[in-house]
């Protein structure tokens, strides 16, 4: 990336998006043809994290560029998972679940890029609580663990924001985030 110039953004962006779409299609077609889905799932995760890493570097100069890139990728994966469920029914169950999970993760990645730390902490605390409640309701340990981890991340983000925070507590957004964090636990 040392030779990259901002004027080259659109040509590089076009290639990167085309590369991502072609290899996502290859992944779906390969999953349809093979019985073992483990390699395709690892491939899908590697492709998505490589793509978002390159997008983060390319969109860094733009205001909210990184959050827009992350939300776009998350929305793509969520829409793709719904489309695969609709048209291919049970043939791609693991891949659909992986794409839905990746979509949710990438949308959550956008939050700290777009919002300040106190709002990030509040949103993550509410999301974590919702996942814990859903995990208890559905008896799903993974949801409970992920929700608990997200709540801990929210508390860490809140602690980082509130270091040396001097303001009137009841008149600030920081106080609302503290209440949301406490209620979500």
Protein backbone atom coordinates (compact mmCIF):
# COMPACT_ATOMS: atom_id res chain seq x y z
CA UNK A 1 0.00 0.00 0.00
CA UNK A 2 3.02 2.30 -0.06
CA UNK A 3 2.39 3.25 -3.71
CA UNK A 4 -1.32 3.88 -3.25
CA UNK A 5 -2.55 7.39 -4.02
CA UNK A 6 -5.98 8.68 -3.13
CA UNK A 7 -6.65 9.49 -6.81
CA UNK A 8 -6.53 5.74 -7.55
CA UNK A 9 -9.38 4.95 -5.15
CA UNK A 10 -12.15 4.15 -7.65
CA UNK A 11 -10.08 1.88 -9.89
CA UNK A 12 -8.78 -0.05 -6.89
CA UNK A 13 -12.22 -0.13 -5.29
CA UNK A 14 -13.77 -1.54 -8.47
CA UNK A 15 -11.15 -4.30 -8.63
CA UNK A 16 -11.49 -5.11 -4.93
CA UNK A 17 -15.29 -5.37 -5.06
CA UNK A 18 -15.17 -7.45 -8.26
CA UNK A 19 -12.55 -9.73 -6.71
CA UNK A 20 -14.68 -10.16 -3.59
CA UNK A 21 -17.90 -10.91 -5.53
CA UNK A 22 -16.22 -13.41 -7.86
CA UNK A 23 -14.60 -15.32 -5.02
CA UNK A 24 -17.80 -15.27 -2.96
CA UNK A 25 -19.63 -16.83 -5.93
CA UNK A 26 -16.87 -19.42 -6.28
CA UNK A 27 -17.24 -20.23 -2.59
CA UNK A 28 -21.00 -20.75 -2.89
CA UNK A 29 -20.64 -22.91 -6.00
CA UNK A 30 -17.89 -25.00 -4.41
CA UNK A 31 -20.04 -25.51 -1.32
CA UNK A 32 -22.91 -26.73 -3.49
CA UNK A 33 -20.69 -29.33 -5.18
CA UNK A 34 -18.83 -30.76 -2.18
CA UNK A 35 -19.94 -32.69 0.85
CA UNK A 36 -17.39 -31.21 3.29
CA UNK A 37 -18.28 -27.64 4.19
CA UNK A 38 -15.43 -26.95 6.64
CA UNK A 39 -12.95 -25.76 4.00
CA UNK A 40 -15.53 -23.52 2.36
CA UNK A 41 -16.43 -21.93 5.71
CA UNK A 42 -12.76 -21.20 6.45
CA UNK A 43 -12.40 -19.81 2.94
CA UNK A 44 -15.43 -17.54 3.41
CA UNK A 45 -14.08 -16.16 6.67
CA UNK A 46 -10.60 -15.58 5.25
CA UNK A 47 -12.03 -13.85 2.19
CA UNK A 48 -14.29 -11.57 4.24
CA UNK A 49 -11.61 -10.52 6.72
CA UNK A 50 -9.07 -9.91 3.96
CA UNK A 51 -11.61 -7.82 2.07
CA UNK A 52 -12.63 -5.71 5.08
CA UNK A 53 -8.98 -5.14 6.03
CA UNK A 54 -8.23 -3.75 2.58
CA UNK A 55 -11.44 -1.70 2.64
CA UNK A 56 -10.46 -0.17 5.99
CA UNK A 57 -7.14 0.97 4.54
CA UNK A 58 -8.74 2.36 1.38
CA UNK A 59 -11.61 4.18 3.08
CA UNK A 60 -9.65 5.63 6.00
CA UNK A 61 -9.33 9.14 4.47
CA UNK A 62 -13.12 9.47 4.06
CA UNK A 63 -15.34 10.64 6.88
CA UNK A 64 -17.30 7.60 8.04
CA UNK A 65 -15.70 5.62 5.20
CA UNK A 66 -14.72 2.73 7.42
CA UNK A 67 -18.13 2.45 9.03
CA UNK A 68 -19.86 2.63 5.63
CA UNK A 69 -17.59 -0.12 4.29
CA UNK A 70 -18.30 -2.28 7.33
CA UNK A 71 -22.08 -1.76 7.21
CA UNK A 72 -22.11 -2.42 3.46
CA UNK A 73 -20.28 -5.72 3.89
CA UNK A 74 -22.53 -6.69 6.81
CA UNK A 75 -25.68 -5.88 4.84
CA UNK A 76 -24.34 -7.82 1.84
CA UNK A 77 -23.79 -10.93 3.97
CA UNK A 78 -27.19 -10.69 5.66
CA UNK A 79 -29.00 -10.24 2.33
CA UNK A 80 -26.95 -13.05 0.80
CA UNK A 81 -27.83 -15.41 3.65
CA UNK A 82 -31.55 -14.63 3.25
CA UNK A 83 -31.30 -15.11 -0.51
CA UNK A 84 -29.54 -18.45 -0.12
CA UNK A 85 -32.17 -19.64 2.34
CA UNK A 86 -34.96 -18.63 0.01
CA UNK A 87 -33.59 -20.26 -3.14
CA UNK A 88 -31.48 -23.16 -1.93
CA UNK A 89 -33.42 -24.20 1.18
CA UNK A 90 -31.38 -26.62 3.34
CA UNK A 91 -28.50 -27.30 0.95
CA UNK A 92 -26.25 -24.55 2.38
CA UNK A 93 -27.27 -24.46 6.04
CA UNK A 94 -23.76 -24.00 7.49
CA UNK A 95 -22.73 -21.38 4.95
CA UNK A 96 -25.99 -19.44 5.43
CA UNK A 97 -25.46 -19.41 9.20
CA UNK A 98 -21.86 -18.28 8.71
CA UNK A 99 -22.88 -15.48 6.34
CA UNK A 100 -25.59 -14.30 8.73
CA UNK A 101 -23.11 -14.28 11.62
CA UNK A 102 -20.50 -12.42 9.55
CA UNK A 103 -23.12 -9.86 8.57
CA UNK A 104 -23.99 -9.16 12.19
CA UNK A 105 -20.32 -8.97 13.18
CA UNK A 106 -19.44 -6.51 10.41
CA UNK A 107 -22.40 -4.28 11.22
CA UNK A 108 -21.19 -4.26 14.83
CA UNK A 109 -17.70 -3.32 13.61
CA UNK A 110 -19.19 -0.13 12.16
CA UNK A 111 -20.41 1.19 15.50
CA UNK A 112 -17.06 2.34 16.93
CA UNK A 113 -16.06 3.86 13.58
CA UNK A 114 -19.22 5.98 13.38
CA UNK A 115 -20.05 6.86 16.97
CA UNK A 116 -18.23 8.14 20.02
CA UNK A 117 -17.12 5.78 22.76
CA UNK A 118 -20.03 6.41 25.10
CA UNK A 119 -22.60 5.57 22.42
CA UNK A 120 -20.59 2.54 21.34
CA UNK A 121 -20.59 1.27 24.91
CA UNK A 122 -24.32 1.81 25.27
CA UNK A 123 -25.25 0.08 22.02
CA UNK A 124 -22.95 -2.86 22.71
CA UNK A 125 -24.37 -3.20 26.23
CA UNK A 126 -27.94 -3.38 24.93
CA UNK A 127 -26.95 -5.80 22.13
CA UNK A 128 -25.08 -7.98 24.63
CA UNK A 129 -28.07 -8.09 26.95
CA UNK A 130 -30.39 -8.95 24.05
CA UNK A 131 -28.11 -11.83 23.01
CA UNK A 132 -27.95 -13.16 26.56
CA UNK A 133 -31.74 -13.03 26.86
CA UNK A 134 -32.13 -14.71 23.46
CA UNK A 135 -29.60 -17.37 24.47
CA UNK A 136 -31.48 -18.11 27.68
CA UNK A 137 -34.80 -18.19 25.85
CA UNK A 138 -33.49 -20.53 23.12
CA UNK A 139 -31.16 -22.47 25.43
CA UNK A 140 -28.23 -21.55 23.20
CA UNK A 141 -24.86 -21.31 24.97
CA UNK A 142 -23.15 -19.57 22.03
CA UNK A 143 -25.60 -16.64 22.15
CA UNK A 144 -25.14 -16.34 25.91
CA UNK A 145 -21.33 -16.41 25.62
CA UNK A 146 -21.25 -13.94 22.76
CA UNK A 147 -23.72 -11.66 24.56
CA UNK A 148 -21.65 -11.80 27.74
CA UNK A 149 -18.46 -11.05 25.79
CA UNK A 150 -20.16 -8.11 24.07
CA UNK A 151 -21.33 -6.77 27.44
CA UNK A 152 -17.78 -7.03 28.81
CA UNK A 153 -16.51 -5.15 25.73
CA UNK A 154 -19.17 -2.51 26.36
CA UNK A 155 -18.01 -2.11 29.94
CA UNK A 156 -14.39 -1.82 28.78
CA UNK A 157 -15.40 0.82 26.23
CA UNK A 158 -17.37 2.65 28.90
CA UNK A 159 -14.45 2.54 31.34
CA UNK A 160 -12.15 4.00 28.69
CA UNK A 161 -14.59 6.86 28.01
CA UNK A 162 -15.22 7.71 31.65
CA UNK A 163 -11.62 8.04 32.75
CA UNK A 164 -11.35 11.53 34.18
CA UNK A 165 -14.86 12.46 33.06
CA UNK A 166 -15.96 15.69 34.80
CA UNK A 167 -19.45 16.86 33.96
CA UNK A 168 -22.90 17.09 35.46
CA UNK A 169 -23.88 13.42 35.47
CA UNK A 170 -27.62 13.67 34.88
CA UNK A 171 -27.34 16.02 31.90
CA UNK A 172 -24.90 14.05 29.75
CA UNK A 173 -25.08 11.19 27.31
CA UNK A 174 -22.42 9.47 29.41
CA UNK A 175 -24.93 9.12 32.24
CA UNK A 176 -27.48 7.55 29.87
CA UNK A 177 -24.83 5.07 28.71
CA UNK A 178 -24.02 4.17 32.32
CA UNK A 179 -27.69 3.45 32.96
CA UNK A 180 -27.97 1.35 29.77
CA UNK A 181 -24.84 -0.60 30.72
CA UNK A 182 -26.08 -1.24 34.25
CA UNK A 183 -29.59 -2.24 33.14
CA UNK A 184 -28.24 -4.60 30.47
CA UNK A 185 -26.30 -6.57 33.06
